[in-house]
């Protein structure tokens, strides 16, 4: 009986993982540079309309990393994927993907966007020099919620990067960019 239970659990886990990564993979169609640029500009406008503090922060940022659409799905095992662009001096200079994997009590699917405002040369150098930046390792990234956003000012901006999550759609129990790996891609 224990052997059958073990086999059944493994089957369920493999099925869940295939479902989660299949759902993410279907949405992960590679976009052209032109598409990413257009989607990034539109995503920034969406963020600025819903969060004016983000727009004022953008004026102080040395660079902005924009992921217009991340798709996340999970059933025990989960994953997320999306592609984005780095903007410096209002020019799109490099392209990146954002990937994460997770496991635990989770079920559902959602999409969202996120923008990381790079406030220091240290953060930009780390992104440029690293083969992949894992959020939570390297420069300090503060995920900004509504309460934090209202308290941001030039005197309180002390971290390397600030991330805003926006335009959430779908149903998933939790949302975090901690553990997300950002890697440069060619477009």
C-alpha atoms as a PDB file:
ATOM      1  CA  UNK A   1       0.000   0.000   0.000  1.00  0.00           C
ATOM      2  CA  UNK A   2       2.838   2.389   0.839  1.00  0.00           C
ATOM      3  CA  UNK A   3       4.482   1.639  -2.513  1.00  0.00           C
ATOM      4  CA  UNK A   4       1.258   2.417  -4.415  1.00  0.00           C
ATOM      5  CA  UNK A   5       0.848   5.660  -2.445  1.00  0.00           C
ATOM      6  CA  UNK A   6       4.438   6.661  -3.260  1.00  0.00           C
ATOM      7  CA  UNK A   7       3.950   5.968  -6.966  1.00  0.00           C
ATOM      8  CA  UNK A   8       0.652   7.884  -6.957  1.00  0.00           C
ATOM      9  CA  UNK A   9       2.259  10.874  -5.205  1.00  0.00           C
ATOM     10  CA  UNK A  10       5.097  10.932  -7.734  1.00  0.00           C
ATOM     11  CA  UNK A  11       2.618  10.714 -10.603  1.00  0.00           C
ATOM     12  CA  UNK A  12       0.614  13.632  -9.197  1.00  0.00           C
ATOM     13  CA  UNK A  13       3.777  15.720  -8.705  1.00  0.00           C
ATOM     14  CA  UNK A  14       5.017  15.034 -12.248  1.00  0.00           C
ATOM     15  CA  UNK A  15       1.580  15.831 -13.681  1.00  0.00           C
ATOM     16  CA  UNK A  16       1.374  19.044 -11.663  1.00  0.00           C
ATOM     17  CA  UNK A  17       4.849  20.113 -12.756  1.00  0.00           C
ATOM     18  CA  UNK A  18       4.036  19.401 -16.403  1.00  0.00           C
ATOM     19  CA  UNK A  19       0.820  21.400 -16.103  1.00  0.00           C
ATOM     20  CA  UNK A  20       2.506  24.341 -14.388  1.00  0.00           C
ATOM     21  CA  UNK A  21       5.431  24.581 -16.760  1.00  0.00           C
ATOM     22  CA  UNK A  22       3.244  23.863 -19.791  1.00  0.00           C
ATOM     23  CA  UNK A  23       0.954  26.737 -18.896  1.00  0.00           C
ATOM     24  CA  UNK A  24       3.939  29.043 -18.447  1.00  0.00           C
ATOM     25  CA  UNK A  25       5.647  27.749 -21.596  1.00  0.00           C
ATOM     26  CA  UNK A  26       2.619  28.405 -23.788  1.00  0.00           C
ATOM     27  CA  UNK A  27       2.730  32.071 -22.823  1.00  0.00           C
ATOM     28  CA  UNK A  28       6.490  32.322 -23.268  1.00  0.00           C
ATOM     29  CA  UNK A  29       6.487  32.932 -27.006  1.00  0.00           C
ATOM     30  CA  UNK A  30       9.586  34.964 -27.785  1.00  0.00           C
ATOM     31  CA  UNK A  31       8.766  38.561 -28.600  1.00  0.00           C
ATOM     32  CA  UNK A  32      10.720  40.687 -31.045  1.00  0.00           C
ATOM     33  CA  UNK A  33      12.740  43.646 -29.780  1.00  0.00           C
ATOM     34  CA  UNK A  34      10.180  45.974 -31.339  1.00  0.00           C
ATOM     35  CA  UNK A  35       7.320  44.191 -29.522  1.00  0.00           C
ATOM     36  CA  UNK A  36       9.176  44.304 -26.210  1.00  0.00           C
ATOM     37  CA  UNK A  37       9.936  48.016 -26.615  1.00  0.00           C
ATOM     38  CA  UNK A  38       6.286  48.796 -27.367  1.00  0.00           C
ATOM     39  CA  UNK A  39       5.011  46.620 -24.501  1.00  0.00           C
ATOM     40  CA  UNK A  40       7.549  48.162 -22.081  1.00  0.00           C
ATOM     41  CA  UNK A  41       6.460  51.707 -22.942  1.00  0.00           C
ATOM     42  CA  UNK A  42       2.809  50.757 -22.478  1.00  0.00           C
ATOM     43  CA  UNK A  43       3.574  48.956 -19.186  1.00  0.00           C
ATOM     44  CA  UNK A  44       5.344  52.024 -17.799  1.00  0.00           C
ATOM     45  CA  UNK A  45       2.347  54.197 -18.667  1.00  0.00           C
ATOM     46  CA  UNK A  46       0.020  51.707 -16.930  1.00  0.00           C
ATOM     47  CA  UNK A  47       2.225  51.729 -13.827  1.00  0.00           C
ATOM     48  CA  UNK A  48       2.495  55.525 -13.765  1.00  0.00           C
ATOM     49  CA  UNK A  49      -1.295  55.942 -14.052  1.00  0.00           C
ATOM     50  CA  UNK A  50      -1.921  53.674 -11.087  1.00  0.00           C
ATOM     51  CA  UNK A  51       1.095  54.728  -9.045  1.00  0.00           C
ATOM     52  CA  UNK A  52       2.300  58.339  -9.441  1.00  0.00           C
ATOM     53  CA  UNK A  53       5.109  57.678  -6.933  1.00  0.00           C
ATOM     54  CA  UNK A  54       6.640  55.265  -9.452  1.00  0.00           C
ATOM     55  CA  UNK A  55       6.756  58.015 -12.072  1.00  0.00           C
ATOM     56  CA  UNK A  56       8.558  60.397  -9.739  1.00  0.00           C
ATOM     57  CA  UNK A  57      10.982  57.602  -8.795  1.00  0.00           C
ATOM     58  CA  UNK A  58      11.694  57.014 -12.491  1.00  0.00           C
ATOM     59  CA  UNK A  59      13.105  60.532 -12.768  1.00  0.00           C
ATOM     60  CA  UNK A  60      15.766  59.670 -10.164  1.00  0.00           C
ATOM     61  CA  UNK A  61      16.564  56.178 -11.482  1.00  0.00           C
ATOM     62  CA  UNK A  62      19.789  55.533 -13.380  1.00  0.00           C
ATOM     63  CA  UNK A  63      18.058  52.753 -15.373  1.00  0.00           C
ATOM     64  CA  UNK A  64      14.689  50.987 -15.461  1.00  0.00           C
ATOM     65  CA  UNK A  65      14.181  47.261 -15.976  1.00  0.00           C
ATOM     66  CA  UNK A  66      10.671  46.668 -17.343  1.00  0.00           C
ATOM     67  CA  UNK A  67       8.897  43.302 -17.506  1.00  0.00           C
ATOM     68  CA  UNK A  68       5.510  44.071 -19.102  1.00  0.00           C
ATOM     69  CA  UNK A  69       4.012  40.597 -18.655  1.00  0.00           C
ATOM     70  CA  UNK A  70       5.047  37.731 -16.443  1.00  0.00           C
ATOM     71  CA  UNK A  71       2.940  34.575 -16.580  1.00  0.00           C
ATOM     72  CA  UNK A  72       2.879  32.435 -13.456  1.00  0.00           C
ATOM     73  CA  UNK A  73       1.191  29.052 -13.018  1.00  0.00           C
ATOM     74  CA  UNK A  74       1.394  26.372 -10.416  1.00  0.00           C
ATOM     75  CA  UNK A  75      -0.123  23.260  -8.977  1.00  0.00           C
ATOM     76  CA  UNK A  76       2.244  22.146  -6.214  1.00  0.00           C
ATOM     77  CA  UNK A  77       5.156  22.928  -8.566  1.00  0.00           C
ATOM     78  CA  UNK A  78       5.023  26.281 -10.260  1.00  0.00           C
ATOM     79  CA  UNK A  79       6.950  28.630 -12.430  1.00  0.00           C
ATOM     80  CA  UNK A  80       6.886  32.031 -14.022  1.00  0.00           C
ATOM     81  CA  UNK A  81       8.375  33.502 -17.169  1.00  0.00           C
ATOM     82  CA  UNK A  82       8.435  36.808 -18.959  1.00  0.00           C
ATOM     83  CA  UNK A  83      10.681  38.969 -21.098  1.00  0.00           C
ATOM     84  CA  UNK A  84      11.634  42.580 -20.564  1.00  0.00           C
ATOM     85  CA  UNK A  85      13.853  45.453 -21.506  1.00  0.00           C
ATOM     86  CA  UNK A  86      16.383  47.720 -19.801  1.00  0.00           C
ATOM     87  CA  UNK A  87      15.930  51.430 -20.385  1.00  0.00           C
ATOM     88  CA  UNK A  88      18.763  53.927 -19.826  1.00  0.00           C
ATOM     89  CA  UNK A  89      18.317  57.608 -20.642  1.00  0.00           C
ATOM     90  CA  UNK A  90      14.974  56.810 -22.329  1.00  0.00           C
ATOM     91  CA  UNK A  91      16.686  54.346 -24.708  1.00  0.00           C
ATOM     92  CA  UNK A  92      16.104  50.582 -24.717  1.00  0.00           C
ATOM     93  CA  UNK A  93      19.563  49.078 -24.439  1.00  0.00           C
ATOM     94  CA  UNK A  94      19.310  45.373 -23.449  1.00  0.00           C
ATOM     95  CA  UNK A  95      16.762  42.590 -23.188  1.00  0.00           C
ATOM     96  CA  UNK A  96      16.229  40.146 -20.324  1.00  0.00           C
ATOM     97  CA  UNK A  97      14.069  37.269 -19.227  1.00  0.00           C
ATOM     98  CA  UNK A  98      12.645  36.729 -15.762  1.00  0.00           C
ATOM     99  CA  UNK A  99      12.298  33.132 -14.585  1.00  0.00           C
ATOM    100  CA  UNK A 100      11.294  31.613 -11.283  1.00  0.00           C
ATOM    101  CA  UNK A 101      10.337  28.175 -10.014  1.00  0.00           C
ATOM    102  CA  UNK A 102       8.590  27.235  -6.812  1.00  0.00           C
ATOM    103  CA  UNK A 103       6.991  24.348  -5.019  1.00  0.00           C
ATOM    104  CA  UNK A 104       4.648  24.014  -2.094  1.00  0.00           C
ATOM    105  CA  UNK A 105       0.976  24.630  -1.452  1.00  0.00           C
ATOM    106  CA  UNK A 106      -0.025  26.550  -4.554  1.00  0.00           C
ATOM    107  CA  UNK A 107      -2.587  26.322  -7.308  1.00  0.00           C
ATOM    108  CA  UNK A 108      -3.671  28.732  -9.996  1.00  0.00           C
ATOM    109  CA  UNK A 109      -2.418  30.963 -12.756  1.00  0.00           C
ATOM    110  CA  UNK A 110      -1.934  34.688 -13.138  1.00  0.00           C
ATOM    111  CA  UNK A 111      -0.125  37.336 -15.092  1.00  0.00           C
ATOM    112  CA  UNK A 112       1.399  40.567 -13.878  1.00  0.00           C
ATOM    113  CA  UNK A 113       4.068  43.081 -14.777  1.00  0.00           C
ATOM    114  CA  UNK A 114       6.919  44.412 -12.743  1.00  0.00           C
ATOM    115  CA  UNK A 115       9.363  47.252 -13.051  1.00  0.00           C
ATOM    116  CA  UNK A 116      12.677  47.582 -11.214  1.00  0.00           C
ATOM    117  CA  UNK A 117      14.080  51.098 -10.824  1.00  0.00           C
ATOM    118  CA  UNK A 118      17.874  50.831 -10.588  1.00  0.00           C
ATOM    119  CA  UNK A 119      18.988  53.709  -8.410  1.00  0.00           C
ATOM    120  CA  UNK A 120      22.741  53.198  -8.255  1.00  0.00           C
ATOM    121  CA  UNK A 121      25.622  52.576 -10.615  1.00  0.00           C
ATOM    122  CA  UNK A 122      26.408  49.549  -8.427  1.00  0.00           C
ATOM    123  CA  UNK A 123      23.044  47.959  -9.344  1.00  0.00           C
ATOM    124  CA  UNK A 124      23.535  48.651 -13.065  1.00  0.00           C
ATOM    125  CA  UNK A 125      27.091  47.288 -12.987  1.00  0.00           C
ATOM    126  CA  UNK A 126      25.908  44.149 -11.197  1.00  0.00           C
ATOM    127  CA  UNK A 127      23.207  43.594 -13.821  1.00  0.00           C
ATOM    128  CA  UNK A 128      25.668  44.230 -16.676  1.00  0.00           C
ATOM    129  CA  UNK A 129      28.457  42.084 -15.219  1.00  0.00           C
ATOM    130  CA  UNK A 130      26.457  39.137 -13.922  1.00  0.00           C
ATOM    131  CA  UNK A 131      25.384  36.294 -16.153  1.00  0.00           C
ATOM    132  CA  UNK A 132      22.108  36.312 -14.260  1.00  0.00           C
ATOM    133  CA  UNK A 133      20.825  38.377 -11.385  1.00  0.00           C
ATOM    134  CA  UNK A 134      18.842  36.513  -8.776  1.00  0.00           C
ATOM    135  CA  UNK A 135      16.554  38.863  -6.889  1.00  0.00           C
ATOM    136  CA  UNK A 136      17.492  38.478  -3.235  1.00  0.00           C
ATOM    137  CA  UNK A 137      21.201  38.091  -4.072  1.00  0.00           C
ATOM    138  CA  UNK A 138      23.409  41.027  -5.004  1.00  0.00           C
ATOM    139  CA  UNK A 139      22.119  44.602  -4.825  1.00  0.00           C
ATOM    140  CA  UNK A 140      19.280  45.289  -2.390  1.00  0.00           C
ATOM    141  CA  UNK A 141      15.848  45.314  -4.055  1.00  0.00           C
ATOM    142  CA  UNK A 142      12.873  46.703  -2.152  1.00  0.00           C
ATOM    143  CA  UNK A 143       9.481  45.539  -3.408  1.00  0.00           C
ATOM    144  CA  UNK A 144       7.339  48.647  -3.092  1.00  0.00           C
ATOM    145  CA  UNK A 145       3.781  48.380  -1.875  1.00  0.00           C
ATOM    146  CA  UNK A 146       1.330  51.257  -1.565  1.00  0.00           C
ATOM    147  CA  UNK A 147       2.438  52.187   1.971  1.00  0.00           C
ATOM    148  CA  UNK A 148       6.146  52.280   1.116  1.00  0.00           C
ATOM    149  CA  UNK A 149       5.506  54.215  -2.112  1.00  0.00           C
ATOM    150  CA  UNK A 150       3.847  57.098  -0.300  1.00  0.00           C
ATOM    151  CA  UNK A 151       6.902  57.465   1.981  1.00  0.00           C
ATOM    152  CA  UNK A 152       9.569  57.494  -0.746  1.00  0.00           C
ATOM    153  CA  UNK A 153      11.508  60.738  -1.028  1.00  0.00           C
ATOM    154  CA  UNK A 154      15.036  61.747  -1.972  1.00  0.00           C
ATOM    155  CA  UNK A 155      16.058  61.461   1.677  1.00  0.00           C
ATOM    156  CA  UNK A 156      14.583  57.945   2.076  1.00  0.00           C
ATOM    157  CA  UNK A 157      15.972  56.509  -1.186  1.00  0.00           C
ATOM    158  CA  UNK A 158      18.846  54.484   0.201  1.00  0.00           C
ATOM    159  CA  UNK A 159      18.557  51.133  -1.595  1.00  0.00           C
ATOM    160  CA  UNK A 160      20.017  49.995  -4.910  1.00  0.00           C
ATOM    161  CA  UNK A 161      16.709  49.122  -6.554  1.00  0.00           C
ATOM    162  CA  UNK A 162      12.960  49.460  -6.076  1.00  0.00           C
ATOM    163  CA  UNK A 163      10.467  47.068  -7.687  1.00  0.00           C
ATOM    164  CA  UNK A 164       6.783  47.716  -8.386  1.00  0.00           C
ATOM    165  CA  UNK A 165       4.412  44.858  -9.220  1.00  0.00           C
ATOM    166  CA  UNK A 166       1.320  45.903 -11.187  1.00  0.00           C
ATOM    167  CA  UNK A 167      -1.521  44.836 -13.470  1.00  0.00           C
ATOM    168  CA  UNK A 168      -2.218  41.529 -11.720  1.00  0.00           C
ATOM    169  CA  UNK A 169      -4.766  39.300 -13.447  1.00  0.00           C
ATOM    170  CA  UNK A 170      -5.836  35.786 -12.561  1.00  0.00           C
ATOM    171  CA  UNK A 171      -5.904  33.877  -9.331  1.00  0.00           C
ATOM    172  CA  UNK A 172      -2.867  32.689  -7.411  1.00  0.00           C
ATOM    173  CA  UNK A 173      -2.404  32.566  -3.666  1.00  0.00           C
ATOM    174  CA  UNK A 174       0.876  34.469  -3.418  1.00  0.00           C
ATOM    175  CA  UNK A 175       3.049  36.821  -5.435  1.00  0.00           C
ATOM    176  CA  UNK A 176       6.719  37.574  -4.977  1.00  0.00           C
ATOM    177  CA  UNK A 177       9.745  38.290  -7.101  1.00  0.00           C
ATOM    178  CA  UNK A 178      12.131  36.939  -4.447  1.00  0.00           C
ATOM    179  CA  UNK A 179      14.147  34.117  -6.010  1.00  0.00           C
ATOM    180  CA  UNK A 180      13.502  35.344  -9.553  1.00  0.00           C
ATOM    181  CA  UNK A 181      16.460  35.052 -11.896  1.00  0.00           C
ATOM    182  CA  UNK A 182      16.951  37.769 -14.481  1.00  0.00           C
ATOM    183  CA  UNK A 183      19.177  36.850 -17.416  1.00  0.00           C
ATOM    184  CA  UNK A 184      20.248  38.853 -20.455  1.00  0.00           C
ATOM    185  CA  UNK A 185      18.890  37.619 -23.794  1.00  0.00           C
ATOM    186  CA  UNK A 186      19.428  38.640 -27.405  1.00  0.00           C
ATOM    187  CA  UNK A 187      16.688  40.300 -29.428  1.00  0.00           C
END
